[in-house]
Each structure stands twice: as structure tokens, then as C-alpha cells.
All heavy atoms as atom14 arrays in JSON, in Angstrom:
{
  "sequence": "DFYAQGQPDRPIKRMEIQRIDRIQGYWTVMDSTMTDLSSGH",
  "atom14_mask": [
    [1, 1, 1, 1, 1, 1, 1, 1, 0, 0, 0, 0, 0, 0],
    [1, 1, 1, 1, 1, 1, 1, 1, 1, 1, 1, 0, 0, 0],
    [1, 1, 1, 1, 1, 1, 1, 1, 1, 1, 1, 1, 0, 0],
    [1, 1, 1, 1, 1, 0, 0, 0, 0, 0, 0, 0, 0, 0],
    [1, 1, 1, 1, 1, 1, 1, 1, 1, 0, 0, 0, 0, 0],
    [1, 1, 1, 1, 0, 0, 0, 0, 0, 0, 0, 0, 0, 0],
    [1, 1, 1, 1, 1, 1, 1, 1, 1, 0, 0, 0, 0, 0],
    [1, 1, 1, 1, 1, 1, 1, 0, 0, 0, 0, 0, 0, 0],
    [1, 1, 1, 1, 1, 1, 1, 1, 0, 0, 0, 0, 0, 0],
    [1, 1, 1, 1, 1, 1, 1, 1, 1, 1, 1, 0, 0, 0],
    [1, 1, 1, 1, 1, 1, 1, 0, 0, 0, 0, 0, 0, 0],
    [1, 1, 1, 1, 1, 1, 1, 1, 0, 0, 0, 0, 0, 0],
    [1, 1, 1, 1, 1, 1, 1, 1, 1, 0, 0, 0, 0, 0],
    [1, 1, 1, 1, 1, 1, 1, 1, 1, 1, 1, 0, 0, 0],
    [1, 1, 1, 1, 1, 1, 1, 1, 0, 0, 0, 0, 0, 0],
    [1, 1, 1, 1, 1, 1, 1, 1, 1, 0, 0, 0, 0, 0],
    [1, 1, 1, 1, 1, 1, 1, 1, 0, 0, 0, 0, 0, 0],
    [1, 1, 1, 1, 1, 1, 1, 1, 1, 0, 0, 0, 0, 0],
    [1, 1, 1, 1, 1, 1, 1, 1, 1, 1, 1, 0, 0, 0],
    [1, 1, 1, 1, 1, 1, 1, 1, 0, 0, 0, 0, 0, 0],
    [1, 1, 1, 1, 1, 1, 1, 1, 0, 0, 0, 0, 0, 0],
    [1, 1, 1, 1, 1, 1, 1, 1, 1, 1, 1, 0, 0, 0],
    [1, 1, 1, 1, 1, 1, 1, 1, 0, 0, 0, 0, 0, 0],
    [1, 1, 1, 1, 1, 1, 1, 1, 1, 0, 0, 0, 0, 0],
    [1, 1, 1, 1, 0, 0, 0, 0, 0, 0, 0, 0, 0, 0],
    [1, 1, 1, 1, 1, 1, 1, 1, 1, 1, 1, 1, 0, 0],
    [1, 1, 1, 1, 1, 1, 1, 1, 1, 1, 1, 1, 1, 1],
    [1, 1, 1, 1, 1, 1, 1, 0, 0, 0, 0, 0, 0, 0],
    [1, 1, 1, 1, 1, 1, 1, 0, 0, 0, 0, 0, 0, 0],
    [1, 1, 1, 1, 1, 1, 1, 1, 0, 0, 0, 0, 0, 0],
    [1, 1, 1, 1, 1, 1, 1, 1, 0, 0, 0, 0, 0, 0],
    [1, 1, 1, 1, 1, 1, 0, 0, 0, 0, 0, 0, 0, 0],
    [1, 1, 1, 1, 1, 1, 1, 0, 0, 0, 0, 0, 0, 0],
    [1, 1, 1, 1, 1, 1, 1, 1, 0, 0, 0, 0, 0, 0],
    [1, 1, 1, 1, 1, 1, 1, 0, 0, 0, 0, 0, 0, 0],
    [1, 1, 1, 1, 1, 1, 1, 1, 0, 0, 0, 0, 0, 0],
    [1, 1, 1, 1, 1, 1, 1, 1, 0, 0, 0, 0, 0, 0],
    [1, 1, 1, 1, 1, 1, 0, 0, 0, 0, 0, 0, 0, 0],
    [1, 1, 1, 1, 1, 1, 0, 0, 0, 0, 0, 0, 0, 0],
    [1, 1, 1, 1, 0, 0, 0, 0, 0, 0, 0, 0, 0, 0],
    [1, 1, 1, 1, 1, 1, 1, 1, 1, 1, 0, 0, 0, 0]
  ],
  "atom14_positions": [
    [[92.17, 107.24, 166.25], [90.77, 106.85, 166.3], [89.95, 108.09, 165.9], [90.15, 109.16, 166.52], [90.45, 106.31, 167.66], [90.86, 104.89, 167.8], [91.48, 104.28, 166.95], [90.51, 104.21, 168.91], [0.0, 0.0, 0.0], [0.0, 0.0, 0.0], [0.0, 0.0, 0.0], [0.0, 0.0, 0.0], [0.0, 0.0, 0.0], [0.0, 0.0, 0.0]],
    [[88.99, 107.95, 165.0], [88.16, 109.01, 164.57], [86.7, 108.81, 165.13], [86.19, 107.67, 164.93], [88.12, 109.08, 162.98], [89.42, 109.27, 162.38], [90.28, 108.25, 162.13], [89.81, 110.55, 162.07], [91.51, 108.35, 161.52], [91.13, 110.76, 161.51], [91.97, 109.68, 161.21], [0.0, 0.0, 0.0], [0.0, 0.0, 0.0], [0.0, 0.0, 0.0]],
    [[86.1, 109.87, 165.67], [84.76, 109.73, 166.26], [83.83, 110.66, 165.48], [84.22, 111.73, 165.08], [84.86, 110.24, 167.65], [85.58, 109.25, 168.6], [86.98, 109.26, 168.6], [85.05, 108.35, 169.41], [87.81, 108.48, 169.43], [85.7, 107.43, 170.25], [87.17, 107.48, 170.33], [87.82, 106.69, 171.1], [0.0, 0.0, 0.0], [0.0, 0.0, 0.0]],
    [[82.61, 110.09, 165.26], [81.6, 110.92, 164.5], [81.12, 112.14, 165.37], [81.19, 112.08, 166.6], [80.51, 110.07, 164.1], [0.0, 0.0, 0.0], [0.0, 0.0, 0.0], [0.0, 0.0, 0.0], [0.0, 0.0, 0.0], [0.0, 0.0, 0.0], [0.0, 0.0, 0.0], [0.0, 0.0, 0.0], [0.0, 0.0, 0.0], [0.0, 0.0, 0.0]],
    [[80.53, 113.15, 164.78], [79.88, 114.2, 165.46], [78.77, 113.58, 166.36], [77.99, 112.91, 165.84], [79.28, 115.23, 164.42], [80.3, 115.93, 163.63], [80.99, 117.15, 164.25], [80.73, 117.52, 165.42], [81.81, 117.84, 163.59], [0.0, 0.0, 0.0], [0.0, 0.0, 0.0], [0.0, 0.0, 0.0], [0.0, 0.0, 0.0], [0.0, 0.0, 0.0]],
    [[78.78, 114.01, 167.58], [77.72, 113.55, 168.52], [77.85, 112.26, 168.99], [76.88, 111.7, 169.65], [0.0, 0.0, 0.0], [0.0, 0.0, 0.0], [0.0, 0.0, 0.0], [0.0, 0.0, 0.0], [0.0, 0.0, 0.0], [0.0, 0.0, 0.0], [0.0, 0.0, 0.0], [0.0, 0.0, 0.0], [0.0, 0.0, 0.0], [0.0, 0.0, 0.0]],
    [[78.9, 111.55, 168.68], [79.09, 110.1, 169.1], [80.58, 110.04, 169.71], [81.5, 109.41, 169.16], [78.94, 109.15, 167.93], [77.61, 109.14, 167.35], [77.44, 108.25, 166.19], [78.08, 107.19, 166.14], [76.71, 108.64, 165.16], [0.0, 0.0, 0.0], [0.0, 0.0, 0.0], [0.0, 0.0, 0.0], [0.0, 0.0, 0.0], [0.0, 0.0, 0.0]],
    [[80.75, 110.68, 170.84], [82.1, 110.74, 171.44], [82.71, 109.46, 172.07], [83.89, 109.39, 172.28], [81.92, 111.77, 172.5], [80.57, 111.56, 172.95], [79.7, 111.19, 171.83], [0.0, 0.0, 0.0], [0.0, 0.0, 0.0], [0.0, 0.0, 0.0], [0.0, 0.0, 0.0], [0.0, 0.0, 0.0], [0.0, 0.0, 0.0], [0.0, 0.0, 0.0]],
    [[81.82, 108.33, 172.15], [82.41, 107.23, 172.98], [82.78, 106.07, 172.05], [83.54, 105.29, 172.59], [81.23, 106.77, 173.91], [80.78, 107.88, 174.85], [81.62, 108.57, 175.41], [79.58, 107.94, 175.13], [0.0, 0.0, 0.0], [0.0, 0.0, 0.0], [0.0, 0.0, 0.0], [0.0, 0.0, 0.0], [0.0, 0.0, 0.0], [0.0, 0.0, 0.0]],
    [[82.44, 106.04, 170.83], [82.83, 104.85, 169.88], [83.27, 105.3, 168.68], [82.67, 105.92, 167.9], [81.55, 104.0, 169.8], [81.81, 102.72, 169.15], [80.48, 101.91, 169.02], [80.74, 100.66, 168.36], [79.75, 99.69, 168.2], [78.65, 99.96, 168.64], [80.03, 98.6, 167.56], [0.0, 0.0, 0.0], [0.0, 0.0, 0.0], [0.0, 0.0, 0.0]],
    [[84.59, 105.0, 168.33], [85.18, 105.53, 167.17], [84.55, 104.8, 165.92], [84.07, 103.58, 165.97], [86.67, 105.02, 167.22], [86.68, 103.98, 168.1], [85.59, 104.21, 169.03], [0.0, 0.0, 0.0], [0.0, 0.0, 0.0], [0.0, 0.0, 0.0], [0.0, 0.0, 0.0], [0.0, 0.0, 0.0], [0.0, 0.0, 0.0], [0.0, 0.0, 0.0]],
    [[84.46, 105.59, 164.78], [83.9, 104.97, 163.51], [84.97, 104.56, 162.59], [84.71, 103.58, 161.75], [83.02, 106.15, 162.82], [83.84, 107.37, 162.58], [81.78, 106.32, 163.64], [83.15, 108.41, 161.61], [0.0, 0.0, 0.0], [0.0, 0.0, 0.0], [0.0, 0.0, 0.0], [0.0, 0.0, 0.0], [0.0, 0.0, 0.0], [0.0, 0.0, 0.0]],
    [[86.14, 105.06, 162.76], [87.24, 104.69, 161.88], [88.61, 104.55, 162.71], [88.69, 105.36, 163.74], [87.37, 105.69, 160.74], [86.29, 105.83, 159.74], [86.82, 106.41, 158.46], [87.52, 107.71, 158.52], [87.79, 108.29, 157.19], [0.0, 0.0, 0.0], [0.0, 0.0, 0.0], [0.0, 0.0, 0.0], [0.0, 0.0, 0.0], [0.0, 0.0, 0.0]],
    [[89.56, 103.96, 162.12], [90.82, 103.77, 162.84], [91.97, 103.77, 161.83], [91.88, 102.95, 160.81], [90.92, 102.54, 163.7], [92.31, 102.34, 164.36], [92.21, 101.28, 165.44], [91.38, 101.72, 166.46], [90.58, 100.9, 167.25], [90.6, 99.56, 167.12], [89.75, 101.33, 168.19], [0.0, 0.0, 0.0], [0.0, 0.0, 0.0], [0.0, 0.0, 0.0]],
    [[92.94, 104.71, 161.96], [94.16, 104.59, 161.13], [95.2, 104.0, 161.88], [95.48, 104.38, 163.05], [94.47, 106.02, 160.63], [95.59, 106.05, 159.63], [97.28, 105.94, 160.22], [97.45, 107.41, 161.19], [0.0, 0.0, 0.0], [0.0, 0.0, 0.0], [0.0, 0.0, 0.0], [0.0, 0.0, 0.0], [0.0, 0.0, 0.0], [0.0, 0.0, 0.0]],
    [[95.96, 103.04, 161.33], [97.15, 102.52, 161.93], [98.26, 102.43, 160.98], [98.12, 102.17, 159.79], [96.79, 101.12, 162.41], [95.74, 101.03, 163.51], [95.34, 99.53, 163.88], [94.68, 98.9, 163.15], [95.62, 99.07, 164.96], [0.0, 0.0, 0.0], [0.0, 0.0, 0.0], [0.0, 0.0, 0.0], [0.0, 0.0, 0.0], [0.0, 0.0, 0.0]],
    [[99.49, 102.66, 161.47], [100.74, 102.6, 160.72], [101.47, 101.33, 161.03], [101.72, 100.94, 162.24], [101.62, 103.8, 161.03], [101.02, 105.12, 160.47], [103.02, 103.68, 160.47], [101.72, 106.4, 160.79], [0.0, 0.0, 0.0], [0.0, 0.0, 0.0], [0.0, 0.0, 0.0], [0.0, 0.0, 0.0], [0.0, 0.0, 0.0], [0.0, 0.0, 0.0]],
    [[101.68, 100.6, 159.97], [102.39, 99.34, 160.07], [103.99, 99.42, 159.86], [104.69, 98.7, 160.41], [101.88, 98.38, 158.96], [100.58, 97.63, 159.45], [99.33, 98.52, 159.26], [99.29, 99.38, 158.32], [98.48, 98.54, 160.17], [0.0, 0.0, 0.0], [0.0, 0.0, 0.0], [0.0, 0.0, 0.0], [0.0, 0.0, 0.0], [0.0, 0.0, 0.0]],
    [[104.41, 100.53, 159.11], [105.84, 100.69, 158.92], [106.27, 102.11, 158.6], [105.42, 102.82, 158.01], [106.11, 99.78, 157.66], [107.65, 99.92, 157.28], [107.91, 99.1, 155.91], [108.99, 99.67, 155.28], [109.32, 99.5, 154.0], [108.48, 98.86, 153.19], [110.42, 99.98, 153.43], [0.0, 0.0, 0.0], [0.0, 0.0, 0.0], [0.0, 0.0, 0.0]],
    [[107.24, 102.55, 159.27], [107.89, 103.84, 158.97], [109.37, 103.61, 158.66], [109.91, 102.82, 159.29], [107.68, 104.9, 160.08], [108.34, 104.35, 161.48], [106.2, 105.22, 160.35], [108.15, 105.38, 162.51], [0.0, 0.0, 0.0], [0.0, 0.0, 0.0], [0.0, 0.0, 0.0], [0.0, 0.0, 0.0], [0.0, 0.0, 0.0], [0.0, 0.0, 0.0]],
    [[109.82, 104.49, 157.82], [111.28, 104.41, 157.44], [111.81, 105.72, 157.59], [111.09, 106.78, 157.43], [111.46, 103.82, 156.01], [111.31, 102.29, 156.0], [111.13, 101.61, 156.96], [111.26, 101.74, 154.88], [0.0, 0.0, 0.0], [0.0, 0.0, 0.0], [0.0, 0.0, 0.0], [0.0, 0.0, 0.0], [0.0, 0.0, 0.0], [0.0, 0.0, 0.0]],
    [[113.1, 105.88, 157.69], [113.8, 107.2, 157.7], [114.51, 107.29, 156.24], [115.42, 106.5, 155.93], [114.79, 107.38, 158.76], [115.1, 108.84, 159.0], [115.76, 108.98, 160.33], [115.8, 110.32, 160.82], [116.1, 110.74, 162.08], [116.38, 109.92, 162.91], [116.04, 112.01, 162.29], [0.0, 0.0, 0.0], [0.0, 0.0, 0.0], [0.0, 0.0, 0.0]],
    [[113.96, 108.22, 155.49], [114.43, 108.39, 154.1], [114.94, 109.82, 153.92], [114.28, 110.72, 154.26], [113.35, 108.18, 153.08], [112.77, 106.7, 153.22], [113.71, 108.48, 151.72], [111.6, 106.39, 152.33], [0.0, 0.0, 0.0], [0.0, 0.0, 0.0], [0.0, 0.0, 0.0], [0.0, 0.0, 0.0], [0.0, 0.0, 0.0], [0.0, 0.0, 0.0]],
    [[116.18, 109.87, 153.55], [116.94, 111.27, 153.33], [116.78, 112.03, 154.62], [116.79, 113.29, 154.62], [116.27, 111.97, 152.07], [116.43, 111.41, 150.78], [115.69, 112.02, 149.81], [114.88, 111.38, 149.07], [116.0, 113.32, 149.45], [0.0, 0.0, 0.0], [0.0, 0.0, 0.0], [0.0, 0.0, 0.0], [0.0, 0.0, 0.0], [0.0, 0.0, 0.0]],
    [[116.74, 111.36, 155.77], [116.67, 112.09, 157.07], [115.41, 112.25, 157.58], [115.11, 112.81, 158.66], [0.0, 0.0, 0.0], [0.0, 0.0, 0.0], [0.0, 0.0, 0.0], [0.0, 0.0, 0.0], [0.0, 0.0, 0.0], [0.0, 0.0, 0.0], [0.0, 0.0, 0.0], [0.0, 0.0, 0.0], [0.0, 0.0, 0.0], [0.0, 0.0, 0.0]],
    [[114.26, 112.06, 156.84], [112.9, 112.3, 157.25], [112.15, 111.04, 157.46], [112.09, 110.11, 156.63], [112.16, 113.05, 156.02], [112.77, 114.34, 155.55], [113.45, 114.37, 154.33], [112.77, 115.46, 156.31], [114.06, 115.44, 153.82], [113.39, 116.69, 155.83], [114.05, 116.68, 154.59], [114.62, 117.9, 154.17], [0.0, 0.0, 0.0], [0.0, 0.0, 0.0]],
    [[111.43, 111.04, 158.7], [110.54, 109.91, 159.01], [109.36, 109.93, 158.03], [108.79, 110.89, 157.74], [110.06, 110.04, 160.37], [111.05, 109.77, 161.42], [111.8, 110.64, 162.23], [111.69, 108.42, 161.79], [112.57, 109.94, 163.02], [112.61, 108.64, 162.81], [111.32, 107.21, 161.41], [113.24, 107.53, 163.38], [112.04, 106.04, 161.98], [112.99, 106.31, 162.94]],
    [[109.09, 108.7, 157.44], [108.16, 108.53, 156.33], [107.31, 107.31, 156.57], [107.71, 106.24, 156.87], [108.88, 108.26, 154.96], [109.95, 109.44, 154.83], [107.99, 108.36, 153.82], [0.0, 0.0, 0.0], [0.0, 0.0, 0.0], [0.0, 0.0, 0.0], [0.0, 0.0, 0.0], [0.0, 0.0, 0.0], [0.0, 0.0, 0.0], [0.0, 0.0, 0.0]],
    [[105.91, 107.57, 156.45], [105.02, 106.45, 156.56], [105.05, 105.68, 155.29], [104.82, 106.13, 154.13], [103.55, 106.94, 156.79], [102.51, 105.79, 156.8], [103.44, 107.77, 158.02], [0.0, 0.0, 0.0], [0.0, 0.0, 0.0], [0.0, 0.0, 0.0], [0.0, 0.0, 0.0], [0.0, 0.0, 0.0], [0.0, 0.0, 0.0], [0.0, 0.0, 0.0]],
    [[105.36, 104.41, 155.42], [105.54, 103.42, 154.23], [104.3, 102.64, 154.1], [104.08, 101.98, 152.99], [106.75, 102.72, 154.3], [108.03, 103.55, 154.51], [108.36, 104.69, 153.05], [108.87, 103.49, 151.84], [0.0, 0.0, 0.0], [0.0, 0.0, 0.0], [0.0, 0.0, 0.0], [0.0, 0.0, 0.0], [0.0, 0.0, 0.0], [0.0, 0.0, 0.0]],
    [[103.62, 102.33, 155.1], [102.52, 101.34, 155.12], [101.56, 101.75, 156.1], [101.87, 101.84, 157.23], [103.0, 99.86, 155.31], [102.07, 98.77, 154.82], [100.87, 99.16, 154.55], [102.48, 97.66, 154.68], [0.0, 0.0, 0.0], [0.0, 0.0, 0.0], [0.0, 0.0, 0.0], [0.0, 0.0, 0.0], [0.0, 0.0, 0.0], [0.0, 0.0, 0.0]],
    [[100.24, 101.87, 155.74], [99.18, 102.27, 156.76], [97.89, 101.74, 156.3], [97.59, 101.53, 155.14], [99.14, 103.89, 156.94], [98.82, 104.43, 155.79], [0.0, 0.0, 0.0], [0.0, 0.0, 0.0], [0.0, 0.0, 0.0], [0.0, 0.0, 0.0], [0.0, 0.0, 0.0], [0.0, 0.0, 0.0], [0.0, 0.0, 0.0], [0.0, 0.0, 0.0]],
    [[96.89, 101.73, 157.3], [95.51, 101.3, 156.9], [94.62, 102.13, 157.57], [94.7, 102.72, 158.72], [95.32, 99.76, 157.33], [95.49, 99.68, 158.69], [96.24, 98.79, 156.55], [0.0, 0.0, 0.0], [0.0, 0.0, 0.0], [0.0, 0.0, 0.0], [0.0, 0.0, 0.0], [0.0, 0.0, 0.0], [0.0, 0.0, 0.0], [0.0, 0.0, 0.0]],
    [[93.4, 102.42, 156.78], [92.34, 103.02, 157.47], [91.21, 102.05, 157.42], [90.85, 101.53, 156.44], [91.88, 104.34, 156.7], [90.73, 105.15, 157.23], [91.18, 106.08, 158.64], [91.79, 107.52, 157.91], [0.0, 0.0, 0.0], [0.0, 0.0, 0.0], [0.0, 0.0, 0.0], [0.0, 0.0, 0.0], [0.0, 0.0, 0.0], [0.0, 0.0, 0.0]],
    [[90.57, 101.76, 158.67], [89.61, 100.8, 158.82], [88.29, 101.37, 159.18], [88.23, 102.24, 160.08], [90.01, 99.73, 159.81], [91.27, 99.21, 159.47], [88.99, 98.63, 159.95], [0.0, 0.0, 0.0], [0.0, 0.0, 0.0], [0.0, 0.0, 0.0], [0.0, 0.0, 0.0], [0.0, 0.0, 0.0], [0.0, 0.0, 0.0], [0.0, 0.0, 0.0]],
    [[87.18, 101.1, 158.41], [85.81, 101.4, 158.81], [85.38, 100.44, 159.85], [85.23, 99.14, 159.53], [84.94, 101.32, 157.58], [83.49, 101.76, 157.83], [82.92, 101.34, 158.94], [82.82, 102.41, 157.05], [0.0, 0.0, 0.0], [0.0, 0.0, 0.0], [0.0, 0.0, 0.0], [0.0, 0.0, 0.0], [0.0, 0.0, 0.0], [0.0, 0.0, 0.0]],
    [[85.24, 100.82, 161.06], [85.03, 99.99, 162.16], [83.64, 99.29, 162.17], [83.47, 98.31, 162.97], [85.31, 100.62, 163.58], [86.72, 101.08, 163.71], [86.97, 101.88, 165.04], [87.67, 99.96, 163.74], [0.0, 0.0, 0.0], [0.0, 0.0, 0.0], [0.0, 0.0, 0.0], [0.0, 0.0, 0.0], [0.0, 0.0, 0.0], [0.0, 0.0, 0.0]],
    [[82.74, 99.82, 161.44], [81.36, 99.27, 161.45], [81.33, 98.1, 160.4], [80.7, 97.04, 160.7], [80.31, 100.26, 161.12], [80.59, 100.89, 159.91], [0.0, 0.0, 0.0], [0.0, 0.0, 0.0], [0.0, 0.0, 0.0], [0.0, 0.0, 0.0], [0.0, 0.0, 0.0], [0.0, 0.0, 0.0], [0.0, 0.0, 0.0], [0.0, 0.0, 0.0]],
    [[81.98, 98.24, 159.28], [81.88, 97.29, 158.22], [83.07, 96.39, 158.2], [83.12, 95.27, 157.6], [81.84, 97.99, 156.83], [83.01, 98.74, 156.49], [0.0, 0.0, 0.0], [0.0, 0.0, 0.0], [0.0, 0.0, 0.0], [0.0, 0.0, 0.0], [0.0, 0.0, 0.0], [0.0, 0.0, 0.0], [0.0, 0.0, 0.0], [0.0, 0.0, 0.0]],
    [[84.19, 96.84, 158.69], [85.53, 96.08, 158.67], [86.23, 96.3, 157.37], [87.32, 95.79, 157.12], [0.0, 0.0, 0.0], [0.0, 0.0, 0.0], [0.0, 0.0, 0.0], [0.0, 0.0, 0.0], [0.0, 0.0, 0.0], [0.0, 0.0, 0.0], [0.0, 0.0, 0.0], [0.0, 0.0, 0.0], [0.0, 0.0, 0.0], [0.0, 0.0, 0.0]],
    [[85.73, 97.01, 156.41], [86.25, 97.41, 155.16], [87.59, 98.29, 155.48], [87.55, 99.09, 156.33], [85.42, 98.23, 154.33], [85.93, 98.46, 152.84], [86.85, 99.45, 152.51], [85.63, 97.75, 151.78], [87.04, 99.27, 151.25], [86.38, 98.25, 150.74], [0.0, 0.0, 0.0], [0.0, 0.0, 0.0], [0.0, 0.0, 0.0], [0.0, 0.0, 0.0]]
  ]
}
């Protein structure tokens, strides 16, 4: 959760990981979203 400067109580954006895989021994993010919490974009 990301918070704007001077607005510590309500996040402005949220990053969520939907899928991780282990590739060549390394954990790898395969599917993720960043959401603008005010617009829903």
C-alpha cells in the first residue's frame, strides 16, 4: 500500500501479486497489478 506525502492514513495506490513461480531457482513475479485507489484504474 502506497501513501501520499502528508496523507498517512489512506493509501492512494495498491500493488498486489497474483502469481509467483520459481524459475531456475529464483522466485519470480509472474502476474501483478497496481491499482489507483481513487479512480479504480
